[in-house]
Amino acid sequence: QVPLVESGGGPVQTGGSLRLSCEGSGRTFTTYNMAWFRQGLGNEREFVAVISPGGSFTYYRRSVEGRFTISREDAKNTIYLQMNSLKPDDTGVYFCAASPATGRGIPSTPKSYNYWGQGTDVSVST
C-alpha cells in the first residue's frame, strides 16, 4: 500500500496555476513534517516546500517563493501545494514525502524523508 497518494498534476501553460494534493493512506501524518519535492527529466530530485506539524512553519526553495503555497488539512490527512505563475522550469514529477518531527530542525533533503508517494506529473508549456 502506497503511504502517500498525489493528484492534481497535468499540462498547463506558462502563467497558469495548479493545485496538487497529497493524501495519506494507512497511517496518520499529523505529527510529521510534510514536504514536496520535484524531479525534472535527467535531474536530481529537489526540494520545493515543507510544512511543519500543525502548519506553523513553512519553508520554500527560493525559485518558488511568492508563487507556491504549501498547506495541510490534518482532518483529511492531506497536504496541498498551490502553484501560481507557473514557468517551464517548474516542469517535473512532483512527489510528496513525510518525515517524523524530531524537534531537531525541519529537513529539506530527500534522504531525511521516510514515506513517499508515486508522484504526479506537471508539464508547463510556453
C-alpha atoms as a PDB file:
ATOM      1  CA  GLN A   1       0.000   0.000   0.000  1.00  0.00           C
ATOM      2  CA  VAL A   2       1.402   3.360  -1.062  1.00  0.00           C
ATOM      3  CA  PRO A   3       1.507   5.591   2.017  1.00  0.00           C
ATOM      4  CA  LEU A   4       1.006   8.865   0.148  1.00  0.00           C
ATOM      5  CA  VAL A   5      -1.032   9.495  -2.983  1.00  0.00           C
ATOM      6  CA  GLU A   6      -0.550  12.636  -5.055  1.00  0.00           C
ATOM      7  CA  SER A   7      -3.029  14.134  -7.502  1.00  0.00           C
ATOM      8  CA  GLY A   8      -3.696  17.348  -9.376  1.00  0.00           C
ATOM      9  CA  GLY A   9      -0.859  17.409 -11.869  1.00  0.00           C
ATOM     10  CA  GLY A  10      -1.268  17.909 -15.591  1.00  0.00           C
ATOM     11  CA  PRO A  11      -0.395  20.172 -18.508  1.00  0.00           C
ATOM     12  CA  VAL A  12      -0.622  23.931 -18.052  1.00  0.00           C
ATOM     13  CA  GLN A  13       0.563  26.999 -19.925  1.00  0.00           C
ATOM     14  CA  THR A  14       3.131  29.458 -18.617  1.00  0.00           C
ATOM     15  CA  GLY A  15       1.497  31.749 -16.075  1.00  0.00           C
ATOM     16  CA  GLY A  16      -1.181  29.228 -15.191  1.00  0.00           C
ATOM     17  CA  SER A  17      -1.986  27.569 -11.875  1.00  0.00           C
ATOM     18  CA  LEU A  18      -2.327  24.082 -10.484  1.00  0.00           C
ATOM     19  CA  ARG A  19      -3.213  22.740  -7.051  1.00  0.00           C
ATOM     20  CA  LEU A  20      -1.563  19.499  -6.048  1.00  0.00           C
ATOM     21  CA  SER A  21      -2.967  17.284  -3.304  1.00  0.00           C
ATOM     22  CA  CYS A  22      -1.328  14.514  -1.308  1.00  0.00           C
ATOM     23  CA  GLU A  23      -3.430  12.221   0.843  1.00  0.00           C
ATOM     24  CA  GLY A  24      -2.018   9.922   3.463  1.00  0.00           C
ATOM     25  CA  SER A  25      -3.064   6.294   3.440  1.00  0.00           C
ATOM     26  CA  GLY A  26      -2.649   3.617   6.080  1.00  0.00           C
ATOM     27  CA  ARG A  27      -1.292   5.945   8.743  1.00  0.00           C
ATOM     28  CA  THR A  28      -1.872   9.420  10.143  1.00  0.00           C
ATOM     29  CA  PHE A  29       0.708  12.052   9.276  1.00  0.00           C
ATOM     30  CA  THR A  30      -0.375  14.816  11.659  1.00  0.00           C
ATOM     31  CA  THR A  31       2.910  14.659  13.615  1.00  0.00           C
ATOM     32  CA  TYR A  32       5.086  14.596  10.513  1.00  0.00           C
ATOM     33  CA  ASN A  33       6.886  17.288   8.586  1.00  0.00           C
ATOM     34  CA  MET A  34       5.353  17.111   5.126  1.00  0.00           C
ATOM     35  CA  ALA A  35       7.210  18.210   2.029  1.00  0.00           C
ATOM     36  CA  TRP A  36       7.003  18.479  -1.732  1.00  0.00           C
ATOM     37  CA  PHE A  37       9.919  17.565  -3.956  1.00  0.00           C
ATOM     38  CA  ARG A  38      10.173  17.569  -7.736  1.00  0.00           C
ATOM     39  CA  GLN A  39      12.306  15.878 -10.332  1.00  0.00           C
ATOM     40  CA  GLY A  40      12.782  17.089 -13.870  1.00  0.00           C
ATOM     41  CA  LEU A  41      13.934  14.828 -16.680  1.00  0.00           C
ATOM     42  CA  GLY A  42      17.585  13.946 -16.132  1.00  0.00           C
ATOM     43  CA  ASN A  43      17.770  15.960 -12.919  1.00  0.00           C
ATOM     44  CA  GLU A  44      18.102  15.013  -9.294  1.00  0.00           C
ATOM     45  CA  ARG A  45      15.111  15.223  -7.001  1.00  0.00           C
ATOM     46  CA  GLU A  46      14.979  18.706  -5.484  1.00  0.00           C
ATOM     47  CA  PHE A  47      13.242  20.250  -2.518  1.00  0.00           C
ATOM     48  CA  VAL A  48      10.263  22.520  -3.199  1.00  0.00           C
ATOM     49  CA  ALA A  49       8.486  23.236   0.101  1.00  0.00           C
ATOM     50  CA  VAL A  50       7.909  21.873   3.593  1.00  0.00           C
ATOM     51  CA  ILE A  51       5.323  22.391   6.320  1.00  0.00           C
ATOM     52  CA  SER A  52       5.703  21.508   9.974  1.00  0.00           C
ATOM     53  CA  PRO A  53       3.147  19.642  12.096  1.00  0.00           C
ATOM     54  CA  GLY A  54       0.253  21.990  12.766  1.00  0.00           C
ATOM     55  CA  GLY A  55       1.321  24.226   9.898  1.00  0.00           C
ATOM     56  CA  SER A  56       3.098  26.864  11.981  1.00  0.00           C
ATOM     57  CA  PHE A  57       6.272  26.770   9.896  1.00  0.00           C
ATOM     58  CA  THR A  58       6.740  26.663   6.150  1.00  0.00           C
ATOM     59  CA  TYR A  59       9.850  26.925   4.006  1.00  0.00           C
ATOM     60  CA  TYR A  60      10.300  27.139   0.226  1.00  0.00           C
ATOM     61  CA  ARG A  61      13.086  26.888  -2.294  1.00  0.00           C
ATOM     62  CA  ARG A  62      13.930  30.383  -3.447  1.00  0.00           C
ATOM     63  CA  SER A  63      12.732  29.968  -7.020  1.00  0.00           C
ATOM     64  CA  VAL A  64       9.145  29.250  -5.950  1.00  0.00           C
ATOM     65  CA  GLU A  65       8.811  31.735  -3.083  1.00  0.00           C
ATOM     66  CA  GLY A  66       5.835  34.027  -3.621  1.00  0.00           C
ATOM     67  CA  ARG A  67       4.365  31.719  -6.271  1.00  0.00           C
ATOM     68  CA  PHE A  68       3.787  28.424  -4.404  1.00  0.00           C
ATOM     69  CA  THR A  69       1.949  27.868  -1.134  1.00  0.00           C
ATOM     70  CA  ILE A  70       2.077  24.687   0.915  1.00  0.00           C
ATOM     71  CA  SER A  71      -0.732  23.914   3.353  1.00  0.00           C
ATOM     72  CA  ARG A  72      -2.128  20.982   5.278  1.00  0.00           C
ATOM     73  CA  GLU A  73      -5.563  19.797   6.358  1.00  0.00           C
ATOM     74  CA  ASP A  74      -4.972  17.291   9.115  1.00  0.00           C
ATOM     75  CA  ALA A  75      -8.633  16.327   9.407  1.00  0.00           C
ATOM     76  CA  LYS A  76      -8.263  14.878   5.895  1.00  0.00           C
ATOM     77  CA  ASN A  77      -4.661  13.657   6.372  1.00  0.00           C
ATOM     78  CA  THR A  78      -3.865  15.744   3.303  1.00  0.00           C
ATOM     79  CA  ILE A  79      -1.392  18.398   2.221  1.00  0.00           C
ATOM     80  CA  TYR A  80      -1.621  20.747  -0.738  1.00  0.00           C
ATOM     81  CA  LEU A  81       0.661  22.737  -2.995  1.00  0.00           C
ATOM     82  CA  GLN A  82      -0.943  25.723  -4.672  1.00  0.00           C
ATOM     83  CA  MET A  83       1.222  26.686  -7.631  1.00  0.00           C
ATOM     84  CA  ASN A  84       0.655  30.020  -9.355  1.00  0.00           C
ATOM     85  CA  SER A  85       2.505  31.877 -12.123  1.00  0.00           C
ATOM     86  CA  LEU A  86       3.954  28.607 -13.350  1.00  0.00           C
ATOM     87  CA  LYS A  87       7.073  28.610 -15.503  1.00  0.00           C
ATOM     88  CA  PRO A  88       8.553  25.966 -17.818  1.00  0.00           C
ATOM     89  CA  ASP A  89      11.319  25.401 -15.230  1.00  0.00           C
ATOM     90  CA  ASP A  90       8.623  24.124 -12.855  1.00  0.00           C
ATOM     91  CA  THR A  91       8.057  21.124 -15.113  1.00  0.00           C
ATOM     92  CA  GLY A  92       8.674  17.750 -13.493  1.00  0.00           C
ATOM     93  CA  VAL A  93       7.244  14.961 -11.414  1.00  0.00           C
ATOM     94  CA  TYR A  94       6.116  16.251  -8.032  1.00  0.00           C
ATOM     95  CA  PHE A  95       6.382  13.968  -5.029  1.00  0.00           C
ATOM     96  CA  CYS A  96       5.097  14.440  -1.515  1.00  0.00           C
ATOM     97  CA  ALA A  97       7.011  13.000   1.405  1.00  0.00           C
ATOM     98  CA  ALA A  98       6.744  12.648   5.165  1.00  0.00           C
ATOM     99  CA  SER A  99       9.364  12.832   7.886  1.00  0.00           C
ATOM    100  CA  PRO A 100       8.590  12.352  11.586  1.00  0.00           C
ATOM    101  CA  ALA A 101       9.103  15.526  13.614  1.00  0.00           C
ATOM    102  CA  THR A 102      12.081  15.131  15.947  1.00  0.00           C
ATOM    103  CA  GLY A 103      12.466  18.646  17.346  1.00  0.00           C
ATOM    104  CA  ARG A 104      15.917  18.876  15.720  1.00  0.00           C
ATOM    105  CA  GLY A 105      15.064  21.032  12.736  1.00  0.00           C
ATOM    106  CA  ILE A 106      12.937  20.571   9.618  1.00  0.00           C
ATOM    107  CA  PRO A 107      14.707  18.673   6.853  1.00  0.00           C
ATOM    108  CA  SER A 108      14.866  19.610   3.189  1.00  0.00           C
ATOM    109  CA  THR A 109      16.860  16.684   1.793  1.00  0.00           C
ATOM    110  CA  PRO A 110      15.202  13.611   0.274  1.00  0.00           C
ATOM    111  CA  LYS A 111      17.185  11.185   2.423  1.00  0.00           C
ATOM    112  CA  SER A 112      15.512  12.566   5.557  1.00  0.00           C
ATOM    113  CA  TYR A 113      12.054  11.507   4.419  1.00  0.00           C
ATOM    114  CA  ASN A 114      10.715   8.052   5.204  1.00  0.00           C
ATOM    115  CA  TYR A 115       7.460   7.935   3.253  1.00  0.00           C
ATOM    116  CA  TRP A 116       6.899   8.886  -0.372  1.00  0.00           C
ATOM    117  CA  GLY A 117       4.163   8.986  -2.924  1.00  0.00           C
ATOM    118  CA  GLN A 118       4.480   7.846  -6.512  1.00  0.00           C
ATOM    119  CA  GLY A 119       4.390  11.366  -7.925  1.00  0.00           C
ATOM    120  CA  THR A 120       2.181  13.467 -10.162  1.00  0.00           C
ATOM    121  CA  ASP A 121       3.390  14.927 -13.426  1.00  0.00           C
ATOM    122  CA  VAL A 122       3.399  18.693 -14.020  1.00  0.00           C
ATOM    123  CA  SER A 123       4.149  20.000 -17.501  1.00  0.00           C
ATOM    124  CA  VAL A 124       4.369  23.749 -18.116  1.00  0.00           C
ATOM    125  CA  SER A 125       4.436  24.796 -21.760  1.00  0.00           C
ATOM    126  CA  THR A 126       5.427  28.123 -23.288  1.00  0.00           C
END
